[in-house]
């Protein structure tokens, strides 16, 4: 019997580049698959399951070389069916860079603009959100989130008023710190939010039994940050093969393996990996296409990953 061969992330992105250049023809059954979209529970509006984070990657003001690369990254994101871009005033010049890049994107029709308020005080919060809107150069944000629970009661009241006035479409709350999970759980149980953003990945599944369950029960959309655990997942499997059954979930790289695990959770609406490299963006976006893991396959994914680490 002929031995099956699977490729790693680096090999896949090389092949993706060859496909884009017309050097090889893609598998039509996979290439023709539209990106998966999931519904926002509060409205049933659907957004792509792979979004784009900007933390640590879009802080590039004044760097012409980096800006040119990010322009290409952003173009590929939209070309491959992307829509959700997530940022924050916390991310250096990221919001200014987004506002600089968006006008140069061709065929941009599906932007879902999401940022955060990260400050104490009502008036200061309103001012910060308006500065963010001006930096992005958009009429309004689709989503504004309270970043890392900062002055959340004050900002929640403001966000509710803004939504009622049509100044934003959705509001949410975020954390990327495990130490805040207990407080966030209590906040979600007692208050109504459209979105929650949190950290979740195959190597850190703590939120499954608590925060994800609450979000699912209360109809709160979930955005997942750090789906690669700040790159440590790749380091854990470096030089190791994908499982022989990876093709069953249309998985051709470790990046897709990790993202498909995240977005296949029934409570998760989208993941927002961040990258400044075109090839990695192509790989990320491909994860939102094709067959997704079933509940049984998700268990196999965990078992296989843990057998390697």
C-alpha atoms as a PDB file:
ATOM      1  CA  UNK A   1       0.000   0.000   0.000  1.00  0.00           C
ATOM      2  CA  UNK A   2       1.298   3.424  -0.886  1.00  0.00           C
ATOM      3  CA  UNK A   3       2.260   5.451   2.172  1.00  0.00           C
ATOM      4  CA  UNK A   4       0.290   8.665   2.641  1.00  0.00           C
ATOM      5  CA  UNK A   5       2.228  11.893   2.948  1.00  0.00           C
ATOM      6  CA  UNK A   6       1.214  14.959   4.934  1.00  0.00           C
ATOM      7  CA  UNK A   7       2.826  18.347   4.827  1.00  0.00           C
ATOM      8  CA  UNK A   8       3.710  20.793   7.540  1.00  0.00           C
ATOM      9  CA  UNK A   9       2.791  24.502   7.760  1.00  0.00           C
ATOM     10  CA  UNK A  10       5.913  25.684   5.930  1.00  0.00           C
ATOM     11  CA  UNK A  11       5.370  23.229   3.067  1.00  0.00           C
ATOM     12  CA  UNK A  12       1.698  24.144   2.783  1.00  0.00           C
ATOM     13  CA  UNK A  13       2.254  27.871   2.534  1.00  0.00           C
ATOM     14  CA  UNK A  14       4.844  27.220  -0.150  1.00  0.00           C
ATOM     15  CA  UNK A  15       2.277  25.279  -2.135  1.00  0.00           C
ATOM     16  CA  UNK A  16      -0.290  28.022  -1.527  1.00  0.00           C
ATOM     17  CA  UNK A  17       2.064  30.493  -3.128  1.00  0.00           C
ATOM     18  CA  UNK A  18       2.492  28.222  -6.134  1.00  0.00           C
ATOM     19  CA  UNK A  19      -1.276  27.942  -6.489  1.00  0.00           C
ATOM     20  CA  UNK A  20      -1.614  31.732  -6.353  1.00  0.00           C
ATOM     21  CA  UNK A  21       1.048  32.077  -9.026  1.00  0.00           C
ATOM     22  CA  UNK A  22      -0.705  29.569 -11.287  1.00  0.00           C
ATOM     23  CA  UNK A  23       2.198  27.102 -11.098  1.00  0.00           C
ATOM     24  CA  UNK A  24      -0.011  24.242  -9.927  1.00  0.00           C
ATOM     25  CA  UNK A  25      -3.763  23.702  -9.981  1.00  0.00           C
ATOM     26  CA  UNK A  26      -5.605  23.430  -6.660  1.00  0.00           C
ATOM     27  CA  UNK A  27      -8.007  20.633  -5.799  1.00  0.00           C
ATOM     28  CA  UNK A  28     -11.242  22.031  -7.223  1.00  0.00           C
ATOM     29  CA  UNK A  29     -13.383  20.448  -4.479  1.00  0.00           C
ATOM     30  CA  UNK A  30     -11.401  22.330  -1.819  1.00  0.00           C
ATOM     31  CA  UNK A  31     -10.730  25.544  -3.724  1.00  0.00           C
ATOM     32  CA  UNK A  32     -14.416  25.977  -4.541  1.00  0.00           C
ATOM     33  CA  UNK A  33     -15.479  25.686  -0.904  1.00  0.00           C
ATOM     34  CA  UNK A  34     -16.684  28.971   0.477  1.00  0.00           C
ATOM     35  CA  UNK A  35     -15.298  30.205   3.810  1.00  0.00           C
ATOM     36  CA  UNK A  36     -17.316  29.049   6.782  1.00  0.00           C
ATOM     37  CA  UNK A  37     -19.415  31.723   8.467  1.00  0.00           C
ATOM     38  CA  UNK A  38     -21.097  31.474  11.853  1.00  0.00           C
ATOM     39  CA  UNK A  39     -24.056  33.379  13.222  1.00  0.00           C
ATOM     40  CA  UNK A  40     -23.893  36.040  15.903  1.00  0.00           C
ATOM     41  CA  UNK A  41     -26.454  34.594  18.338  1.00  0.00           C
ATOM     42  CA  UNK A  42     -28.184  37.895  19.169  1.00  0.00           C
ATOM     43  CA  UNK A  43     -29.052  38.682  15.528  1.00  0.00           C
ATOM     44  CA  UNK A  44     -28.214  35.622  13.386  1.00  0.00           C
ATOM     45  CA  UNK A  45     -25.949  37.846  11.244  1.00  0.00           C
ATOM     46  CA  UNK A  46     -23.131  35.653   9.951  1.00  0.00           C
ATOM     47  CA  UNK A  47     -19.431  36.524   9.962  1.00  0.00           C
ATOM     48  CA  UNK A  48     -16.401  34.538   8.737  1.00  0.00           C
ATOM     49  CA  UNK A  49     -14.933  32.207  11.348  1.00  0.00           C
ATOM     50  CA  UNK A  50     -11.393  33.476  10.700  1.00  0.00           C
ATOM     51  CA  UNK A  51     -10.821  37.120  11.510  1.00  0.00           C
ATOM     52  CA  UNK A  52      -7.636  39.159  11.790  1.00  0.00           C
ATOM     53  CA  UNK A  53      -6.027  40.291  15.011  1.00  0.00           C
ATOM     54  CA  UNK A  54      -3.645  43.256  15.065  1.00  0.00           C
ATOM     55  CA  UNK A  55      -1.901  42.952  18.426  1.00  0.00           C
ATOM     56  CA  UNK A  56       1.865  42.906  17.973  1.00  0.00           C
ATOM     57  CA  UNK A  57       1.650  42.944  14.170  1.00  0.00           C
ATOM     58  CA  UNK A  58       0.116  46.268  13.071  1.00  0.00           C
ATOM     59  CA  UNK A  59       2.144  48.588  15.301  1.00  0.00           C
ATOM     60  CA  UNK A  60       4.071  49.798  12.251  1.00  0.00           C
ATOM     61  CA  UNK A  61       3.548  53.550  11.956  1.00  0.00           C
ATOM     62  CA  UNK A  62       6.393  55.156   9.985  1.00  0.00           C
ATOM     63  CA  UNK A  63       7.865  51.836   8.835  1.00  0.00           C
ATOM     64  CA  UNK A  64       7.386  51.935   5.058  1.00  0.00           C
ATOM     65  CA  UNK A  65       8.613  48.404   4.455  1.00  0.00           C
ATOM     66  CA  UNK A  66       6.358  46.952   7.127  1.00  0.00           C
ATOM     67  CA  UNK A  67       3.372  48.991   5.961  1.00  0.00           C
ATOM     68  CA  UNK A  68       3.780  47.684   2.424  1.00  0.00           C
ATOM     69  CA  UNK A  69       3.823  44.132   3.720  1.00  0.00           C
ATOM     70  CA  UNK A  70       0.763  44.717   5.895  1.00  0.00           C
ATOM     71  CA  UNK A  71      -1.086  46.203   2.927  1.00  0.00           C
ATOM     72  CA  UNK A  72      -0.554  42.919   1.100  1.00  0.00           C
ATOM     73  CA  UNK A  73      -1.536  40.905   4.178  1.00  0.00           C
ATOM     74  CA  UNK A  74      -4.774  42.893   4.491  1.00  0.00           C
ATOM     75  CA  UNK A  75      -5.542  42.473   0.803  1.00  0.00           C
ATOM     76  CA  UNK A  76      -5.081  38.697   1.021  1.00  0.00           C
ATOM     77  CA  UNK A  77      -7.318  38.643   4.097  1.00  0.00           C
ATOM     78  CA  UNK A  78     -10.213  40.193   2.178  1.00  0.00           C
ATOM     79  CA  UNK A  79      -9.450  38.313  -1.051  1.00  0.00           C
ATOM     80  CA  UNK A  80      -9.843  35.031   0.840  1.00  0.00           C
ATOM     81  CA  UNK A  81     -13.177  35.976   2.395  1.00  0.00           C
ATOM     82  CA  UNK A  82     -12.122  37.781   5.573  1.00  0.00           C
ATOM     83  CA  UNK A  83     -14.177  40.462   7.278  1.00  0.00           C
ATOM     84  CA  UNK A  84     -13.577  40.821  11.024  1.00  0.00           C
ATOM     85  CA  UNK A  85     -10.615  43.003  11.983  1.00  0.00           C
ATOM     86  CA  UNK A  86      -9.997  43.371  15.702  1.00  0.00           C
ATOM     87  CA  UNK A  87      -7.838  46.057  17.317  1.00  0.00           C
ATOM     88  CA  UNK A  88      -7.436  48.224  20.416  1.00  0.00           C
ATOM     89  CA  UNK A  89      -5.966  51.543  21.563  1.00  0.00           C
ATOM     90  CA  UNK A  90      -3.627  49.295  23.568  1.00  0.00           C
ATOM     91  CA  UNK A  91      -1.871  48.060  20.409  1.00  0.00           C
ATOM     92  CA  UNK A  92       0.424  51.009  19.769  1.00  0.00           C
ATOM     93  CA  UNK A  93      -0.177  52.532  16.330  1.00  0.00           C
ATOM     94  CA  UNK A  94      -2.295  49.583  15.090  1.00  0.00           C
ATOM     95  CA  UNK A  95      -5.513  51.581  14.725  1.00  0.00           C
ATOM     96  CA  UNK A  96      -3.779  54.326  12.758  1.00  0.00           C
ATOM     97  CA  UNK A  97      -2.193  51.718  10.525  1.00  0.00           C
ATOM     98  CA  UNK A  98      -5.569  50.066   9.878  1.00  0.00           C
ATOM     99  CA  UNK A  99      -6.983  53.433   8.856  1.00  0.00           C
ATOM    100  CA  UNK A 100      -4.042  53.952   6.534  1.00  0.00           C
ATOM    101  CA  UNK A 101      -4.357  50.523   4.905  1.00  0.00           C
ATOM    102  CA  UNK A 102      -8.121  50.099   4.472  1.00  0.00           C
ATOM    103  CA  UNK A 103      -8.545  52.673   1.667  1.00  0.00           C
ATOM    104  CA  UNK A 104      -5.942  50.788  -0.370  1.00  0.00           C
ATOM    105  CA  UNK A 105      -7.732  47.438  -0.201  1.00  0.00           C
ATOM    106  CA  UNK A 106      -9.430  46.460  -3.444  1.00  0.00           C
ATOM    107  CA  UNK A 107     -12.817  44.781  -3.321  1.00  0.00           C
ATOM    108  CA  UNK A 108     -13.320  45.380   0.399  1.00  0.00           C
ATOM    109  CA  UNK A 109     -17.044  44.802   0.887  1.00  0.00           C
ATOM    110  CA  UNK A 110     -17.342  42.803   4.088  1.00  0.00           C
ATOM    111  CA  UNK A 111     -15.517  44.758   6.809  1.00  0.00           C
ATOM    112  CA  UNK A 112     -16.636  44.012  10.348  1.00  0.00           C
ATOM    113  CA  UNK A 113     -14.754  46.622  12.373  1.00  0.00           C
ATOM    114  CA  UNK A 114     -14.069  45.747  16.004  1.00  0.00           C
ATOM    115  CA  UNK A 115     -12.045  47.642  18.562  1.00  0.00           C
ATOM    116  CA  UNK A 116     -11.976  48.166  22.321  1.00  0.00           C
ATOM    117  CA  UNK A 117     -12.294  50.827  24.975  1.00  0.00           C
ATOM    118  CA  UNK A 118      -9.425  50.640  27.431  1.00  0.00           C
ATOM    119  CA  UNK A 119      -9.642  53.505  29.904  1.00  0.00           C
ATOM    120  CA  UNK A 120     -11.367  54.591  33.113  1.00  0.00           C
ATOM    121  CA  UNK A 121     -14.154  57.173  33.211  1.00  0.00           C
ATOM    122  CA  UNK A 122     -17.214  57.867  31.099  1.00  0.00           C
ATOM    123  CA  UNK A 123     -16.027  60.964  29.253  1.00  0.00           C
ATOM    124  CA  UNK A 124     -12.538  59.599  28.713  1.00  0.00           C
ATOM    125  CA  UNK A 125     -14.076  56.415  27.354  1.00  0.00           C
ATOM    126  CA  UNK A 126     -16.272  58.314  24.909  1.00  0.00           C
ATOM    127  CA  UNK A 127     -13.281  60.363  23.794  1.00  0.00           C
ATOM    128  CA  UNK A 128     -11.103  57.296  23.310  1.00  0.00           C
ATOM    129  CA  UNK A 129     -13.739  55.534  21.208  1.00  0.00           C
ATOM    130  CA  UNK A 130     -14.182  58.600  19.002  1.00  0.00           C
ATOM    131  CA  UNK A 131     -10.412  58.835  18.467  1.00  0.00           C
ATOM    132  CA  UNK A 132     -10.405  55.162  17.482  1.00  0.00           C
ATOM    133  CA  UNK A 133     -13.208  55.749  14.977  1.00  0.00           C
ATOM    134  CA  UNK A 134     -11.309  58.643  13.430  1.00  0.00           C
ATOM    135  CA  UNK A 135      -8.130  56.590  13.246  1.00  0.00           C
ATOM    136  CA  UNK A 136      -9.929  53.800  11.406  1.00  0.00           C
ATOM    137  CA  UNK A 137     -11.657  56.331   9.141  1.00  0.00           C
ATOM    138  CA  UNK A 138     -15.068  54.665   9.355  1.00  0.00           C
ATOM    139  CA  UNK A 139     -18.591  55.982  10.058  1.00  0.00           C
ATOM    140  CA  UNK A 140     -19.070  53.656  13.039  1.00  0.00           C
ATOM    141  CA  UNK A 141     -17.747  50.465  14.578  1.00  0.00           C
ATOM    142  CA  UNK A 142     -19.619  47.217  14.252  1.00  0.00           C
ATOM    143  CA  UNK A 143     -18.337  46.152  17.666  1.00  0.00           C
ATOM    144  CA  UNK A 144     -16.688  47.877  20.617  1.00  0.00           C
ATOM    145  CA  UNK A 145     -15.468  45.738  23.500  1.00  0.00           C
ATOM    146  CA  UNK A 146     -14.455  46.616  27.052  1.00  0.00           C
ATOM    147  CA  UNK A 147     -10.776  45.668  27.073  1.00  0.00           C
ATOM    148  CA  UNK A 148      -9.589  43.444  29.927  1.00  0.00           C
ATOM    149  CA  UNK A 149     -12.562  44.451  32.119  1.00  0.00           C
ATOM    150  CA  UNK A 150     -11.213  48.008  32.646  1.00  0.00           C
ATOM    151  CA  UNK A 151     -13.918  50.107  34.363  1.00  0.00           C
ATOM    152  CA  UNK A 152     -16.430  47.732  32.827  1.00  0.00           C
ATOM    153  CA  UNK A 153     -19.536  48.989  34.621  1.00  0.00           C
ATOM    154  CA  UNK A 154     -19.019  52.562  33.450  1.00  0.00           C
ATOM    155  CA  UNK A 155     -18.139  51.581  29.896  1.00  0.00           C
ATOM    156  CA  UNK A 156     -20.984  49.069  29.620  1.00  0.00           C
ATOM    157  CA  UNK A 157     -23.522  51.779  30.364  1.00  0.00           C
ATOM    158  CA  UNK A 158     -21.980  53.995  27.680  1.00  0.00           C
ATOM    159  CA  UNK A 159     -21.873  51.191  25.113  1.00  0.00           C
ATOM    160  CA  UNK A 160     -25.538  50.368  25.688  1.00  0.00           C
ATOM    161  CA  UNK A 161     -26.421  54.009  25.071  1.00  0.00           C
ATOM    162  CA  UNK A 162     -24.279  54.094  21.927  1.00  0.00           C
ATOM    163  CA  UNK A 163     -25.937  50.955  20.575  1.00  0.00           C
ATOM    164  CA  UNK A 164     -29.411  52.337  21.265  1.00  0.00           C
ATOM    165  CA  UNK A 165     -28.439  55.503  19.394  1.00  0.00           C
ATOM    166  CA  UNK A 166     -27.120  53.520  16.407  1.00  0.00           C
ATOM    167  CA  UNK A 167     -23.518  54.609  16.962  1.00  0.00           C
ATOM    168  CA  UNK A 168     -22.323  51.004  17.251  1.00  0.00           C
ATOM    169  CA  UNK A 169     -23.960  47.724  16.301  1.00  0.00           C
ATOM    170  CA  UNK A 170     -22.697  45.409  19.052  1.00  0.00           C
ATOM    171  CA  UNK A 171     -20.851  45.618  22.349  1.00  0.00           C
ATOM    172  CA  UNK A 172     -18.717  43.125  24.214  1.00  0.00           C
ATOM    173  CA  UNK A 173     -16.091  42.500  26.865  1.00  0.00           C
ATOM    174  CA  UNK A 174     -12.658  40.860  26.703  1.00  0.00           C
ATOM    175  CA  UNK A 175      -9.873  39.269  28.651  1.00  0.00           C
ATOM    176  CA  UNK A 176      -6.636  37.584  27.703  1.00  0.00           C
ATOM    177  CA  UNK A 177      -5.694  36.806  31.305  1.00  0.00           C
ATOM    178  CA  UNK A 178      -6.653  33.600  33.077  1.00  0.00           C
ATOM    179  CA  UNK A 179      -6.586  35.409  36.409  1.00  0.00           C
ATOM    180  CA  UNK A 180      -9.666  37.372  35.301  1.00  0.00           C
ATOM    181  CA  UNK A 181     -11.777  34.364  34.374  1.00  0.00           C
ATOM    182  CA  UNK A 182     -13.664  34.158  37.669  1.00  0.00           C
ATOM    183  CA  UNK A 183     -14.595  37.826  37.531  1.00  0.00           C
ATOM    184  CA  UNK A 184     -15.557  37.590  33.859  1.00  0.00           C
ATOM    185  CA  UNK A 185     -17.766  34.586  34.578  1.00  0.00           C
ATOM    186  CA  UNK A 186     -19.670  36.561  37.211  1.00  0.00           C
ATOM    187  CA  UNK A 187     -19.986  39.556  34.868  1.00  0.00           C
ATOM    188  CA  UNK A 188     -21.399  37.430  32.050  1.00  0.00           C
ATOM    189  CA  UNK A 189     -23.858  35.697  34.354  1.00  0.00           C
ATOM    190  CA  UNK A 190     -25.281  38.990  35.636  1.00  0.00           C
ATOM    191  CA  UNK A 191     -25.109  41.194  32.523  1.00  0.00           C
ATOM    192  CA  UNK A 192     -26.091  41.053  28.887  1.00  0.00           C
ATOM    193  CA  UNK A 193     -23.393  41.219  26.187  1.00  0.00           C
ATOM    194  CA  UNK A 194     -23.404  40.619  22.448  1.00  0.00           C
ATOM    195  CA  UNK A 195     -19.795  39.398  22.363  1.00  0.00           C
ATOM    196  CA  UNK A 196     -17.097  38.101  24.649  1.00  0.00           C
ATOM    197  CA  UNK A 197     -13.448  37.747  23.656  1.00  0.00           C
ATOM    198  CA  UNK A 198     -11.148  35.325  25.442  1.00  0.00           C
ATOM    199  CA  UNK A 199      -8.125  33.054  25.069  1.00  0.00           C
ATOM    200  CA  UNK A 200      -8.738  29.494  23.897  1.00  0.00           C
ATOM    201  CA  UNK A 201      -6.584  26.960  22.083  1.00  0.00           C
ATOM    202  CA  UNK A 202      -5.806  23.261  22.003  1.00  0.00           C
ATOM    203  CA  UNK A 203      -3.122  23.771  24.642  1.00  0.00           C
ATOM    204  CA  UNK A 204      -5.269  25.908  26.944  1.00  0.00           C
ATOM    205  CA  UNK A 205      -8.826  24.645  27.228  1.00  0.00           C
ATOM    206  CA  UNK A 206      -9.654  26.034  30.661  1.00  0.00           C
ATOM    207  CA  UNK A 207     -12.594  28.111  29.395  1.00  0.00           C
ATOM    208  CA  UNK A 208     -14.488  25.162  27.915  1.00  0.00           C
ATOM    209  CA  UNK A 209     -16.341  24.190  31.090  1.00  0.00           C
ATOM    210  CA  UNK A 210     -17.052  27.703  32.275  1.00  0.00           C
ATOM    211  CA  UNK A 211     -16.936  30.746  30.006  1.00  0.00           C
ATOM    212  CA  UNK A 212     -17.754  28.963  26.749  1.00  0.00           C
ATOM    213  CA  UNK A 213     -20.662  27.190  28.399  1.00  0.00           C
ATOM    214  CA  UNK A 214     -22.044  30.461  29.758  1.00  0.00           C
ATOM    215  CA  UNK A 215     -21.665  32.171  26.378  1.00  0.00           C
ATOM    216  CA  UNK A 216     -23.504  29.348  24.652  1.00  0.00           C
ATOM    217  CA  UNK A 217     -26.268  29.342  27.253  1.00  0.00           C
ATOM    218  CA  UNK A 218     -26.780  33.128  27.091  1.00  0.00           C
ATOM    219  CA  UNK A 219     -26.385  33.525  23.338  1.00  0.00           C
ATOM    220  CA  UNK A 220     -23.137  35.505  23.432  1.00  0.00           C
ATOM    221  CA  UNK A 221     -20.857  35.435  20.395  1.00  0.00           C
ATOM    222  CA  UNK A 222     -17.309  34.313  21.199  1.00  0.00           C
ATOM    223  CA  UNK A 223     -14.140  35.747  19.667  1.00  0.00           C
ATOM    224  CA  UNK A 224     -11.010  33.718  20.394  1.00  0.00           C
ATOM    225  CA  UNK A 225      -7.647  35.419  20.802  1.00  0.00           C
ATOM    226  CA  UNK A 226      -4.236  33.704  21.022  1.00  0.00           C
ATOM    227  CA  UNK A 227      -5.382  30.571  19.119  1.00  0.00           C
ATOM    228  CA  UNK A 228      -1.701  29.619  18.681  1.00  0.00           C
ATOM    229  CA  UNK A 229      -0.847  30.284  22.340  1.00  0.00           C
ATOM    230  CA  UNK A 230       1.575  33.028  21.269  1.00  0.00           C
ATOM    231  CA  UNK A 231       3.335  30.615  18.930  1.00  0.00           C
ATOM    232  CA  UNK A 232       4.141  28.027  21.581  1.00  0.00           C
ATOM    233  CA  UNK A 233       1.883  25.454  19.890  1.00  0.00           C
ATOM    234  CA  UNK A 234       4.098  25.530  16.788  1.00  0.00           C
ATOM    235  CA  UNK A 235       7.209  25.135  18.908  1.00  0.00           C
ATOM    236  CA  UNK A 236       5.640  22.127  20.610  1.00  0.00           C
ATOM    237  CA  UNK A 237       5.096  20.252  17.315  1.00  0.00           C
ATOM    238  CA  UNK A 238       8.125  21.478  15.375  1.00  0.00           C
ATOM    239  CA  UNK A 239       9.429  18.747  13.087  1.00  0.00           C
ATOM    240  CA  UNK A 240       6.528  16.424  13.911  1.00  0.00           C
ATOM    241  CA  UNK A 241       3.998  15.101  11.367  1.00  0.00           C
ATOM    242  CA  UNK A 242       0.319  15.792  11.182  1.00  0.00           C
ATOM    243  CA  UNK A 243      -1.848  12.780  12.070  1.00  0.00           C
ATOM    244  CA  UNK A 244      -2.543  10.364   9.183  1.00  0.00           C
ATOM    245  CA  UNK A 245      -6.249  11.298   9.331  1.00  0.00           C
ATOM    246  CA  UNK A 246      -5.672  15.067   8.917  1.00  0.00           C
ATOM    247  CA  UNK A 247      -7.107  14.934   5.397  1.00  0.00           C
ATOM    248  CA  UNK A 248     -10.490  13.974   6.822  1.00  0.00           C
ATOM    249  CA  UNK A 249     -10.842  17.535   8.121  1.00  0.00           C
ATOM    250  CA  UNK A 250      -9.179  19.164   5.087  1.00  0.00           C
ATOM    251  CA  UNK A 251      -6.175  19.989   7.222  1.00  0.00           C
ATOM    252  CA  UNK A 252      -2.847  20.548   5.462  1.00  0.00           C
ATOM    253  CA  UNK A 253      -0.734  22.310   8.084  1.00  0.00           C
ATOM    254  CA  UNK A 254      -0.332  22.627  11.829  1.00  0.00           C
ATOM    255  CA  UNK A 255      -1.711  26.166  11.639  1.00  0.00           C
ATOM    256  CA  UNK A 256      -4.933  24.850  10.138  1.00  0.00           C
ATOM    257  CA  UNK A 257      -5.010  22.047  12.704  1.00  0.00           C
ATOM    258  CA  UNK A 258      -4.904  24.517  15.589  1.00  0.00           C
ATOM    259  CA  UNK A 259      -7.419  26.935  14.064  1.00  0.00           C
ATOM    260  CA  UNK A 260      -9.879  24.246  13.020  1.00  0.00           C
ATOM    261  CA  UNK A 261      -9.860  22.934  16.575  1.00  0.00           C
ATOM    262  CA  UNK A 262     -10.808  26.376  17.902  1.00  0.00           C
ATOM    263  CA  UNK A 263     -13.480  27.347  15.390  1.00  0.00           C
ATOM    264  CA  UNK A 264     -15.161  23.932  15.469  1.00  0.00           C
ATOM    265  CA  UNK A 265     -16.217  24.436  19.084  1.00  0.00           C
ATOM    266  CA  UNK A 266     -19.980  25.108  18.933  1.00  0.00           C
ATOM    267  CA  UNK A 267     -19.716  28.168  21.192  1.00  0.00           C
ATOM    268  CA  UNK A 268     -16.981  29.866  19.171  1.00  0.00           C
ATOM    269  CA  UNK A 269     -18.007  32.418  16.543  1.00  0.00           C
ATOM    270  CA  UNK A 270     -14.576  33.349  15.190  1.00  0.00           C
ATOM    271  CA  UNK A 271     -10.844  33.299  15.906  1.00  0.00           C
ATOM    272  CA  UNK A 272      -8.514  36.245  15.336  1.00  0.00           C
ATOM    273  CA  UNK A 273      -4.951  35.050  14.675  1.00  0.00           C
ATOM    274  CA  UNK A 274      -2.489  37.872  14.080  1.00  0.00           C
ATOM    275  CA  UNK A 275       0.235  37.811  11.441  1.00  0.00           C
ATOM    276  CA  UNK A 276       2.380  40.178   9.401  1.00  0.00           C
ATOM    277  CA  UNK A 277       3.242  37.557   6.786  1.00  0.00           C
ATOM    278  CA  UNK A 278       1.269  36.919   3.602  1.00  0.00           C
ATOM    279  CA  UNK A 279       1.973  33.189   3.569  1.00  0.00           C
ATOM    280  CA  UNK A 280       0.746  32.777   7.115  1.00  0.00           C
ATOM    281  CA  UNK A 281      -2.383  34.770   6.305  1.00  0.00           C
ATOM    282  CA  UNK A 282      -3.105  32.426   3.393  1.00  0.00           C
ATOM    283  CA  UNK A 283      -2.685  29.463   5.716  1.00  0.00           C
ATOM    284  CA  UNK A 284      -4.886  31.011   8.411  1.00  0.00           C
ATOM    285  CA  UNK A 285      -7.685  31.765   5.972  1.00  0.00           C
ATOM    286  CA  UNK A 286      -7.585  28.276   4.493  1.00  0.00           C
ATOM    287  CA  UNK A 287      -8.435  26.935   7.955  1.00  0.00           C
ATOM    288  CA  UNK A 288     -11.897  28.447   7.571  1.00  0.00           C
ATOM    289  CA  UNK A 289     -12.661  26.295   4.547  1.00  0.00           C
ATOM    290  CA  UNK A 290     -13.521  22.660   3.980  1.00  0.00           C
ATOM    291  CA  UNK A 291     -14.515  19.998   6.456  1.00  0.00           C
ATOM    292  CA  UNK A 292     -14.559  20.914  10.142  1.00  0.00           C
ATOM    293  CA  UNK A 293     -13.829  18.469  12.968  1.00  0.00           C
ATOM    294  CA  UNK A 294     -16.725  16.652  14.580  1.00  0.00           C
ATOM    295  CA  UNK A 295     -16.946  16.261  18.360  1.00  0.00           C
ATOM    296  CA  UNK A 296     -15.231  12.859  18.141  1.00  0.00           C
ATOM    297  CA  UNK A 297     -12.535  14.213  15.857  1.00  0.00           C
ATOM    298  CA  UNK A 298     -11.876  17.077  18.275  1.00  0.00           C
ATOM    299  CA  UNK A 299     -11.110  14.510  20.963  1.00  0.00           C
ATOM    300  CA  UNK A 300      -8.717  12.761  18.559  1.00  0.00           C
ATOM    301  CA  UNK A 301      -7.059  16.099  17.843  1.00  0.00           C
ATOM    302  CA  UNK A 302      -6.423  16.685  21.547  1.00  0.00           C
ATOM    303  CA  UNK A 303      -5.133  13.155  22.084  1.00  0.00           C
ATOM    304  CA  UNK A 304      -2.763  13.360  19.118  1.00  0.00           C
ATOM    305  CA  UNK A 305      -1.423  16.779  20.104  1.00  0.00           C
ATOM    306  CA  UNK A 306      -0.863  15.668  23.672  1.00  0.00           C
ATOM    307  CA  UNK A 307       0.926  12.523  22.491  1.00  0.00           C
ATOM    308  CA  UNK A 308       3.507  14.761  20.804  1.00  0.00           C
ATOM    309  CA  UNK A 309       4.028  17.196  23.657  1.00  0.00           C
END
